[in-house]
Protein backbone atom coordinates (compact mmCIF):
# COMPACT_ATOMS: atom_id res chain seq x y z
CA MET A 1 19.94 -22.74 14.32
CA SER A 2 21.82 -19.47 13.66
CA ASN A 3 21.45 -16.30 15.73
CA ASN A 4 18.98 -15.22 13.04
CA GLY A 5 16.58 -17.91 14.17
CA ARG A 6 14.70 -19.44 11.28
CA LEU A 7 14.88 -16.31 9.17
CA ASP A 8 15.98 -18.35 6.15
CA GLN A 9 12.51 -19.92 6.20
CA ILE A 10 10.89 -16.52 5.54
CA ASP A 11 10.08 -15.62 1.92
CA HIS A 12 7.83 -12.63 2.65
CA LEU A 13 8.69 -9.89 5.12
CA VAL A 14 5.61 -7.66 5.29
CA VAL A 15 5.57 -4.33 7.16
CA LEU A 16 2.49 -2.27 7.98
CA MET A 17 3.55 1.13 9.35
CA GLN A 18 0.82 3.15 11.04
CA GLU A 19 0.89 6.76 12.25
CA ASN A 20 1.74 8.69 15.38
CA ARG A 21 1.03 6.59 18.46
CA SER A 22 3.33 5.77 21.36
CA PHE A 23 3.86 2.37 22.95
CA ASP A 24 2.21 3.19 26.28
CA HIS A 25 -0.74 4.86 24.55
CA MET A 26 -1.56 1.69 22.58
CA LEU A 27 -0.02 -1.24 24.50
CA GLY A 28 1.05 0.02 27.93
CA PHE A 29 -1.70 -1.94 29.69
CA LEU A 30 -1.22 -5.09 27.58
CA TYR A 31 -0.06 -7.26 30.49
CA PRO A 32 -1.22 -6.62 34.08
CA ASP A 33 1.57 -6.49 36.66
CA GLN A 34 4.07 -6.07 33.79
CA LYS A 35 4.48 -9.82 33.38
CA THR A 36 3.26 -12.27 30.76
CA PRO A 37 1.48 -15.48 31.85
CA SER A 38 4.83 -17.27 31.45
CA GLY A 39 6.52 -14.79 33.78
CA ALA A 40 8.44 -12.82 31.14
CA GLN A 41 9.07 -9.20 32.05
CA PHE A 42 7.13 -6.55 30.14
CA GLU A 43 7.89 -2.84 30.42
CA GLY A 44 4.37 -1.49 30.49
CA LEU A 45 2.46 0.87 32.74
CA LYS A 46 2.01 0.51 36.48
CA GLY A 47 -0.88 2.98 36.43
CA ASP A 48 0.62 5.66 38.66
CA GLU A 49 2.72 7.45 36.04
CA SER A 50 1.93 11.16 35.85
CA ASN A 51 2.75 14.52 34.30
CA ALA A 52 2.14 17.97 35.71
CA GLY A 53 0.43 20.69 33.71
CA PRO A 54 -0.73 24.23 34.34
CA ASP A 55 -3.96 22.91 35.85
CA GLY A 56 -2.36 20.30 38.11
CA VAL A 57 -1.02 16.75 37.99
CA HIS A 58 -2.53 14.25 35.56
CA THR A 59 -2.11 10.49 36.05
CA VAL A 60 -2.32 7.88 33.30
CA PHE A 61 -5.74 6.35 32.91
CA ARG A 62 -7.29 3.51 30.96
CA ILE A 63 -9.25 4.28 27.80
CA LEU A 64 -12.12 1.81 27.92
CA ARG A 65 -13.89 0.62 24.79
CA THR A 66 -17.20 1.91 26.11
CA ALA A 67 -15.95 5.40 26.98
CA PRO A 68 -17.41 8.30 24.96
CA ASP A 69 -15.20 9.11 21.98
CA ALA A 70 -12.82 6.30 22.99
CA TYR A 71 -11.57 5.76 19.46
CA PHE A 72 -10.83 9.46 18.94
CA MET A 73 -8.55 9.86 21.96
CA PRO A 74 -6.67 11.95 22.90
CA GLY A 75 -9.30 14.20 21.36
CA ALA A 76 -6.90 16.46 19.45
CA ASP A 77 -3.72 16.03 17.44
CA PRO A 78 -0.78 16.46 19.84
CA ARG A 79 2.18 18.48 18.70
CA GLU A 80 4.90 16.58 16.85
CA GLY A 81 8.29 17.43 15.40
CA TYR A 82 11.70 18.01 16.96
CA ALA A 83 10.98 20.96 19.28
CA PRO A 84 7.65 19.62 20.63
CA THR A 85 9.21 16.18 21.14
CA ASN A 86 12.03 17.76 23.15
CA THR A 87 9.44 19.56 25.28
CA GLN A 88 7.65 16.26 25.92
CA LEU A 89 10.88 14.46 26.83
CA PHE A 90 12.83 17.13 28.70
CA GLY A 91 10.39 19.90 29.55
CA THR A 92 12.24 22.26 27.21
CA ALA A 93 12.48 22.61 23.44
CA ASP A 94 16.28 22.96 23.67
CA PRO A 95 17.82 20.40 26.04
CA GLY A 96 21.34 21.03 24.75
CA THR A 97 23.93 18.66 23.31
CA PRO A 98 24.52 16.14 24.65
CA ALA A 99 21.01 16.02 26.03
CA PRO A 100 20.48 14.92 29.63
CA ALA A 101 18.42 11.88 30.53
CA ALA A 102 14.81 12.46 29.51
CA THR A 103 12.34 12.96 32.35
CA MET A 104 9.23 12.21 30.21
CA THR A 105 7.35 14.93 32.09
CA GLY A 106 6.39 17.45 29.39
CA PHE A 107 3.52 15.68 27.62
CA VAL A 108 0.70 17.56 29.34
CA THR A 109 2.42 20.92 28.88
CA SER A 110 2.99 20.18 25.20
CA PHE A 111 -0.62 19.07 24.76
CA VAL A 112 -1.82 22.35 26.25
CA ASP A 113 0.13 24.06 23.46
CA ALA A 114 -1.47 21.72 20.91
CA LEU A 115 -4.95 22.69 22.03
CA GLN A 116 -4.09 26.29 21.18
CA PHE A 117 -2.03 25.55 18.06
CA ASP A 118 -3.43 25.09 14.55
CA PRO A 119 -0.79 24.74 11.79
CA LEU A 120 -1.23 23.10 8.39
CA HIS A 121 -2.34 19.87 10.02
CA GLY A 122 -5.82 21.37 10.33
CA ARG A 123 -6.28 20.14 13.88
CA THR A 124 -9.73 19.32 15.15
CA VAL A 125 -10.39 19.44 18.89
CA ARG A 126 -13.25 17.22 19.95
CA PRO A 127 -15.68 18.49 22.62
CA GLY A 128 -14.58 17.83 26.19
CA THR A 129 -10.89 17.51 25.37
CA GLY A 130 -8.63 18.74 28.16
CA PRO A 131 -4.90 18.67 29.00
CA GLY A 132 -5.17 15.37 30.88
CA ASN A 133 -6.45 13.52 27.82
CA ILE A 134 -2.87 13.00 26.65
CA MET A 135 -2.34 10.61 29.58
CA GLY A 136 -5.05 8.23 28.35
CA CYS A 137 -3.82 4.76 27.31
CA TYR A 138 -5.91 2.04 25.68
CA THR A 139 -6.87 -1.21 27.35
CA PRO A 140 -6.51 -4.52 25.49
CA ASP A 141 -10.30 -4.75 25.39
CA ALA A 142 -10.44 -1.48 23.48
CA LEU A 143 -7.82 -2.64 20.93
CA PRO A 144 -8.59 -6.34 20.55
CA VAL A 145 -6.76 -6.79 17.23
CA LEU A 146 -3.46 -5.10 18.05
CA SER A 147 -3.51 -6.47 21.60
CA GLY A 148 -4.56 -9.93 20.46
CA LEU A 149 -1.71 -10.10 17.97
CA ALA A 150 0.75 -8.73 20.54
CA ARG A 151 -0.24 -11.40 23.05
CA GLY A 152 -0.71 -14.14 20.49
CA TYR A 153 2.71 -13.67 18.88
CA ALA A 154 5.47 -11.21 19.94
CA VAL A 155 5.40 -7.68 21.29
CA CYS A 156 8.56 -5.52 21.20
CA ASP A 157 8.60 -3.28 24.28
CA HIS A 158 11.97 -1.70 23.41
CA TRP A 159 11.34 -0.55 19.81
CA PHE A 160 12.03 3.16 19.36
CA SER A 161 11.43 5.51 16.48
CA SER A 162 14.71 6.34 14.77
CA ALA A 163 14.73 10.08 15.45
CA PRO A 164 12.91 12.29 17.98
CA THR A 165 10.71 13.99 15.41
CA GLU A 166 7.84 13.53 13.02
CA THR A 167 6.65 11.37 10.13
CA LEU A 168 8.79 11.77 7.02
CA PRO A 169 12.25 11.62 8.64
CA ASN A 170 11.26 8.48 10.54
CA ARG A 171 9.81 6.83 7.45
CA ALA A 172 13.04 7.68 5.64
CA PHE A 173 15.01 5.90 8.37
CA ALA A 174 12.68 2.89 8.12
CA LEU A 175 13.23 2.55 4.38
CA ALA A 176 16.65 4.09 3.74
CA GLY A 177 18.51 4.13 7.08
CA THR A 178 18.84 7.92 7.11
CA SER A 179 16.99 11.17 6.59
CA GLN A 180 20.27 12.84 5.53
CA GLY A 181 19.92 15.44 8.23
CA ARG A 182 16.25 16.18 7.76
CA MET A 183 14.38 16.55 11.03
CA ASP A 184 10.96 17.83 10.00
CA ASP A 185 8.40 17.47 7.23
CA HIS A 186 9.06 20.92 5.74
CA GLN A 187 5.36 21.74 5.73
CA GLN A 188 5.81 25.41 4.93
CA ALA A 189 8.29 24.95 2.06
CA GLY A 190 6.48 22.06 0.42
CA THR A 191 7.55 18.46 0.67
CA PRO A 192 10.54 17.63 -1.53
CA PRO A 193 11.26 13.95 -2.11
CA PHE A 194 14.35 12.35 -0.62
CA ASP A 195 17.26 12.06 -3.04
CA PHE A 196 19.16 9.05 -1.67
CA PRO A 197 18.94 5.26 -2.18
CA SER A 198 16.39 3.14 -0.34
CA ILE A 199 15.96 -0.53 0.50
CA PHE A 200 13.81 -0.93 -2.61
CA GLY A 201 16.67 -0.06 -4.95
CA LEU A 202 19.07 -2.23 -2.95
CA LEU A 203 16.72 -5.20 -3.25
CA ALA A 204 16.26 -4.68 -6.99
CA LYS A 205 20.00 -4.38 -7.55
CA ASN A 206 20.49 -7.74 -5.83
CA GLY A 207 17.68 -9.59 -7.61
CA THR A 208 15.11 -9.65 -4.79
CA ASP A 209 11.55 -8.55 -5.41
CA TRP A 210 9.52 -5.93 -3.53
CA ALA A 211 6.16 -4.21 -3.60
CA ILE A 212 4.35 -1.27 -2.03
CA TYR A 213 0.61 -1.52 -1.50
CA SER A 214 -1.43 1.49 -0.41
CA ASP A 215 -4.91 1.74 1.05
CA GLY A 216 -5.22 5.28 -0.28
CA LYS A 217 -2.86 7.82 -1.81
CA GLN A 218 0.68 6.53 -2.28
CA LEU A 219 3.30 8.34 -0.20
CA THR A 220 6.36 6.09 -0.50
CA ARG A 221 6.02 5.75 -4.28
CA PHE A 222 7.23 9.34 -4.67
CA ASP A 223 9.66 9.47 -1.74
CA PHE A 224 12.86 8.07 -3.24
CA PRO A 225 14.49 7.86 -6.69
CA ASP A 226 14.31 4.06 -6.33
CA THR A 227 10.53 4.15 -6.11
CA THR A 228 9.76 7.17 -8.28
CA GLN A 229 11.58 5.55 -11.20
CA ALA A 230 10.42 1.97 -10.52
CA ASP A 231 8.17 -0.04 -12.78
CA PRO A 232 4.45 0.39 -11.95
CA SER A 233 4.20 -3.36 -11.35
CA HIS A 234 5.79 -2.79 -7.93
CA PHE A 235 2.77 -0.80 -6.73
CA GLY A 236 -0.83 -1.65 -6.02
CA GLY A 237 -3.88 -1.01 -3.90
CA PHE A 238 -5.00 -2.95 -0.87
CA THR A 239 -7.34 -5.13 -2.94
CA GLN A 240 -4.35 -6.24 -5.00
CA PHE A 241 -2.38 -6.99 -1.83
CA ARG A 242 -5.22 -9.06 -0.40
CA ASN A 243 -5.64 -11.01 -3.62
CA ALA A 244 -1.89 -11.65 -3.91
CA ALA A 245 -1.69 -12.83 -0.31
CA ARG A 246 -4.64 -15.18 -0.68
CA THR A 247 -3.43 -16.61 -3.99
CA GLY A 248 0.22 -16.99 -3.04
CA THR A 249 1.49 -14.40 -5.54
CA LEU A 250 3.05 -11.84 -3.19
CA PRO A 251 6.60 -10.89 -4.17
CA LYS A 252 9.26 -13.05 -2.57
CA GLY A 253 11.03 -10.33 -0.68
CA PHE A 254 9.88 -7.14 1.04
CA VAL A 255 6.28 -5.88 1.06
CA PHE A 256 5.53 -2.44 2.52
CA LEU A 257 1.94 -1.49 3.34
CA GLU A 258 0.60 2.04 3.64
CA PRO A 259 -2.72 2.93 5.29
CA ASP A 260 -5.29 5.45 4.10
CA TRP A 261 -4.06 8.87 5.21
CA SER A 262 -7.38 10.71 4.87
CA LEU A 263 -9.28 12.08 7.88
CA ALA A 264 -11.75 9.23 7.52
CA GLY A 265 -8.92 6.75 6.89
CA ASN A 266 -7.32 3.92 8.86
CA ASP A 267 -3.81 5.24 9.60
CA GLN A 268 -4.74 5.92 13.28
CA HIS A 269 -3.17 9.38 13.20
CA PRO A 270 -4.76 11.44 15.98
CA VAL A 271 -7.65 12.14 15.88
CA HIS A 272 -8.69 9.65 13.20
CA ASP A 273 -10.88 6.72 14.27
CA VAL A 274 -8.52 4.17 15.84
CA SER A 275 -10.98 1.33 15.22
CA HIS A 276 -10.53 1.77 11.47
CA GLY A 277 -6.87 0.93 11.92
CA GLU A 278 -7.85 -2.11 13.96
CA GLN A 279 -9.93 -3.26 11.00
CA LEU A 280 -6.99 -2.71 8.64
CA MET A 281 -4.72 -4.83 10.84
CA LEU A 282 -7.33 -7.56 10.97
CA ASP A 283 -7.71 -7.49 7.18
CA VAL A 284 -3.93 -7.65 6.61
CA TYR A 285 -3.45 -10.47 9.10
CA THR A 286 -6.41 -12.46 7.76
CA ALA A 287 -5.28 -12.12 4.14
CA LEU A 288 -1.82 -13.42 5.04
CA ARG A 289 -2.93 -16.12 7.46
CA THR A 290 -5.45 -17.63 5.04
CA GLY A 291 -3.00 -17.60 2.14
CA PRO A 292 -0.78 -20.50 1.07
CA ASP A 293 2.47 -18.74 2.08
CA TRP A 294 1.55 -18.04 5.69
CA ASN A 295 4.17 -20.42 7.09
CA ARG A 296 6.90 -18.50 5.25
CA THR A 297 5.70 -15.00 6.19
CA LEU A 298 6.80 -12.55 8.89
CA LEU A 299 4.42 -9.61 9.45
CA VAL A 300 5.57 -6.51 11.32
CA ILE A 301 3.08 -3.92 12.57
CA THR A 302 4.62 -0.71 13.88
CA TYR A 303 4.22 3.09 13.94
CA ASP A 304 6.50 5.72 12.44
CA GLU A 305 6.61 7.98 15.52
CA HIS A 306 4.79 8.69 18.76
CA GLY A 307 3.03 11.82 17.52
CA GLY A 308 3.05 13.49 20.94
CA CYS A 309 1.25 10.62 22.73
CA TYR A 310 2.46 9.73 26.22
CA ASP A 311 5.19 7.18 26.94
CA HIS A 312 7.07 6.74 30.21
CA VAL A 313 10.31 5.10 28.98
CA PRO A 314 13.15 7.55 28.21
CA PRO A 315 14.57 7.01 24.71
CA PRO A 316 18.15 5.77 24.95
CA SER A 317 21.21 7.61 23.75
CA GLY A 318 24.07 5.86 21.97
CA ALA A 319 22.40 5.78 18.55
CA VAL A 320 24.87 5.56 15.65
CA PRO A 321 24.67 8.54 13.28
CA PRO A 322 23.76 7.15 9.85
CA ASP A 323 26.13 9.29 7.81
CA GLY A 324 27.97 12.59 7.85
CA ALA A 325 24.91 14.71 7.06
CA GLN A 326 24.45 17.77 9.27
CA GLY A 327 21.22 17.48 11.20
CA GLU A 328 18.65 20.24 11.20
CA PHE A 329 18.36 22.18 14.49
CA GLY A 330 21.87 20.98 15.36
CA PHE A 331 20.69 17.42 16.05
CA ASP A 332 23.53 14.88 15.93
CA PHE A 333 21.47 11.65 15.58
CA THR A 334 23.06 10.07 18.66
CA ARG A 335 19.78 9.48 20.46
CA PHE A 336 16.67 7.61 19.42
CA GLY A 337 13.09 8.84 19.21
CA VAL A 338 10.20 7.90 21.47
CA ARG A 339 9.14 4.28 21.96
CA VAL A 340 6.44 3.09 19.55
CA PRO A 341 4.26 -0.05 19.31
CA ALA A 342 5.77 -2.96 17.41
CA VAL A 343 4.34 -6.45 17.00
CA LEU A 344 6.00 -9.38 15.20
CA ILE A 345 3.63 -11.98 13.76
CA SER A 346 4.48 -15.40 12.32
CA PRO A 347 3.44 -19.02 12.93
CA LEU A 348 7.11 -19.60 13.86
CA ILE A 349 6.80 -17.28 16.90
CA ALA A 350 5.72 -18.60 20.30
CA ALA A 351 2.62 -17.01 21.83
CA GLY A 352 3.24 -14.54 24.64
CA THR A 353 6.72 -13.55 23.47
CA VAL A 354 8.18 -10.24 24.67
CA TYR A 355 11.01 -9.70 22.23
CA ARG A 356 14.11 -7.64 22.89
CA PRO A 357 17.40 -8.04 21.04
CA ALA A 358 20.58 -9.19 22.74
CA GLY A 359 23.09 -6.45 23.51
CA ASP A 360 22.73 -2.81 24.41
CA THR A 361 21.39 -1.44 21.10
CA PRO A 362 17.59 -1.34 21.06
CA LEU A 363 15.32 -2.01 18.14
CA ASP A 364 14.47 0.97 15.97
CA HIS A 365 13.02 1.31 12.48
CA THR A 366 16.34 0.42 10.88
CA SER A 367 16.01 -3.02 12.46
CA VAL A 368 13.59 -3.73 9.61
CA LEU A 369 16.39 -2.94 7.16
CA LYS A 370 18.86 -5.06 9.12
CA THR A 371 16.50 -8.05 9.10
CA ILE A 372 15.94 -7.71 5.34
CA GLU A 373 19.70 -7.46 4.82
CA GLN A 374 20.33 -10.54 6.95
CA ARG A 375 17.66 -12.56 5.16
CA TRP A 376 18.73 -11.71 1.61
CA ASN A 377 22.47 -11.19 2.21
CA LEU A 378 22.51 -7.47 1.41
CA PRO A 379 25.04 -4.82 2.46
CA PRO A 380 23.91 -2.05 4.83
CA LEU A 381 22.60 1.20 3.44
CA THR A 382 24.09 3.39 6.21
CA ASP A 383 26.00 3.14 9.45
CA ARG A 384 22.70 3.15 11.38
CA ASP A 385 21.27 -0.04 9.88
CA LYS A 386 24.75 -1.58 9.99
CA ALA A 387 24.71 -1.13 13.78
CA ALA A 388 21.04 -2.04 14.26
CA PRO A 389 19.97 -5.41 15.67
CA GLY A 390 17.78 -7.60 13.48
CA PHE A 391 14.87 -9.58 14.86
CA GLY A 392 15.10 -12.87 12.98
CA ASP A 393 15.83 -14.76 16.20
CA VAL A 394 12.23 -14.16 17.31
CA LEU A 395 11.44 -17.14 15.04
CA THR A 396 12.04 -20.01 17.46
CA LEU A 397 9.51 -22.73 16.65
CA ASP A 398 10.43 -25.89 14.74
CA THR A 399 6.87 -26.44 13.53
CA PRO A 400 4.55 -23.64 12.35
CA ARG A 401 1.57 -23.03 14.59
CA THR A 402 -1.92 -23.67 13.28
CA ASP A 403 -3.91 -21.81 15.95
CA ASP A 404 -5.38 -18.34 15.48
CA PRO A 405 -5.17 -15.96 18.48
CA LEU A 406 -7.92 -13.81 16.95
CA THR A 407 -10.78 -16.26 17.08
CA LEU A 408 -13.36 -13.66 18.03
CA VAL A 409 -12.67 -9.95 17.64
CA PRO A 410 -15.34 -7.45 18.72
CA MET A 411 -15.09 -4.31 16.61
CA SER A 412 -16.49 -0.97 17.65
CA GLY A 413 -16.01 2.51 16.24
CA GLY A 414 -17.32 6.03 16.44
CA THR A 415 -18.59 8.75 14.21
CA THR A 416 -15.95 9.46 11.60
CA MET A 417 -14.93 12.75 10.08
CA SER A 418 -16.06 13.68 6.62
CA ALA A 419 -14.64 11.38 3.98
CA ASN A 420 -14.26 14.45 1.77
CA SER A 421 -11.93 16.19 4.22
CA GLU A 422 -8.24 16.26 3.32
CA SER A 423 -5.64 15.50 5.94
CA TYR A 424 -2.12 16.90 6.20
CA LEU A 425 -0.63 13.66 4.84
CA ASP A 426 -3.07 13.76 1.93
CA ARG A 427 -1.49 17.07 1.02
CA VAL A 428 2.01 15.63 1.42
CA CYS A 429 1.14 12.82 -1.02
CA ASP A 430 -0.27 15.29 -3.52
CA ALA A 431 2.82 17.50 -3.30
CA LEU A 432 5.17 14.55 -3.87
CA ALA A 433 3.12 13.28 -6.80
CA ARG A 434 3.26 16.69 -8.49
CA GLN A 435 7.05 16.75 -8.24
CA ALA A 436 7.54 13.23 -9.59
């Protein structure tokens, strides 16, 4: 077996990328005592981590499934973007270059700003929301699908967003290995599409198929020249994805899944109903697992960025700049963004795996690109994905498993926002579509 594990047995690499949640916020309490049943180390929460705010010190606490408004925590949309992320990591919006080691002590202070801040995102603050809400982290019982998959297959506790900022730059890194210097979503100036090659064009050029399926408005379709100019057959809705998975007609190659971005959607962006995202994950997993190609499928569930939610692990430095593009705000792309949830799912993965790559370079979103490149013998797109570790060696089993870790999944949600309300990302999708 090569150092890519059994990656050559995978015909379908499927990625579902959700929105704006940190690792600790979603999976920090996954394993008690920070150890799996087999004794593997897991870098989760001890339960005494804290941040100080203007009203005192706030300690992390468990978000229980039965708590009021549990699935709308933290109760408001935290601040995101480069300056707020710096405040969360360092306690200041301008830590300097090179930045010192992050203290991870500014989350409460930043959330206080968010409760008073209302930009284009159209933030809604739910009743009873206070500064300490940002320290809330879900229990496995509250997130039975994500937690069940993380325990039943592999959880990555050292997967970081690619840049310490918001949605579109991180999604660009995930699909193109760079944002070409861009470090925010350019809300005020509109949302121009990226003008550089992506993994979709690289796959097409080398004769490997791909598809993008969306559970709502299509964001990635209008992000890159490779997708804007692609044949419509590469795009579909979630019903088409589910039918293709169940009938064995998914493209042999890369499949990228987008959630519903609307306020009543399932992307899990704060403060959308988190349980709707749980249902989406269950639907994606079930469609793949009950299809004929399950044994040759690797599903990745991750999040584009932390969105201001609490995490206690300082993002590492030593990131490789992707290209020579000058970063906005003077950022040099030599440090990663905040840690985000990432779960690897395949019948070739042993249950209870905590996956970290060998070497000093952690997983980030460009590890998806590296794994695709390793599987289909493609060149790197940028210096970042060239340096990134792949994760094919998580596939260690000789015989595909036949068990299902999600034998019984209790689902519970709350009162949703109006389905007619338009979210910030809805507006981004509309702006991109108009420019296409």
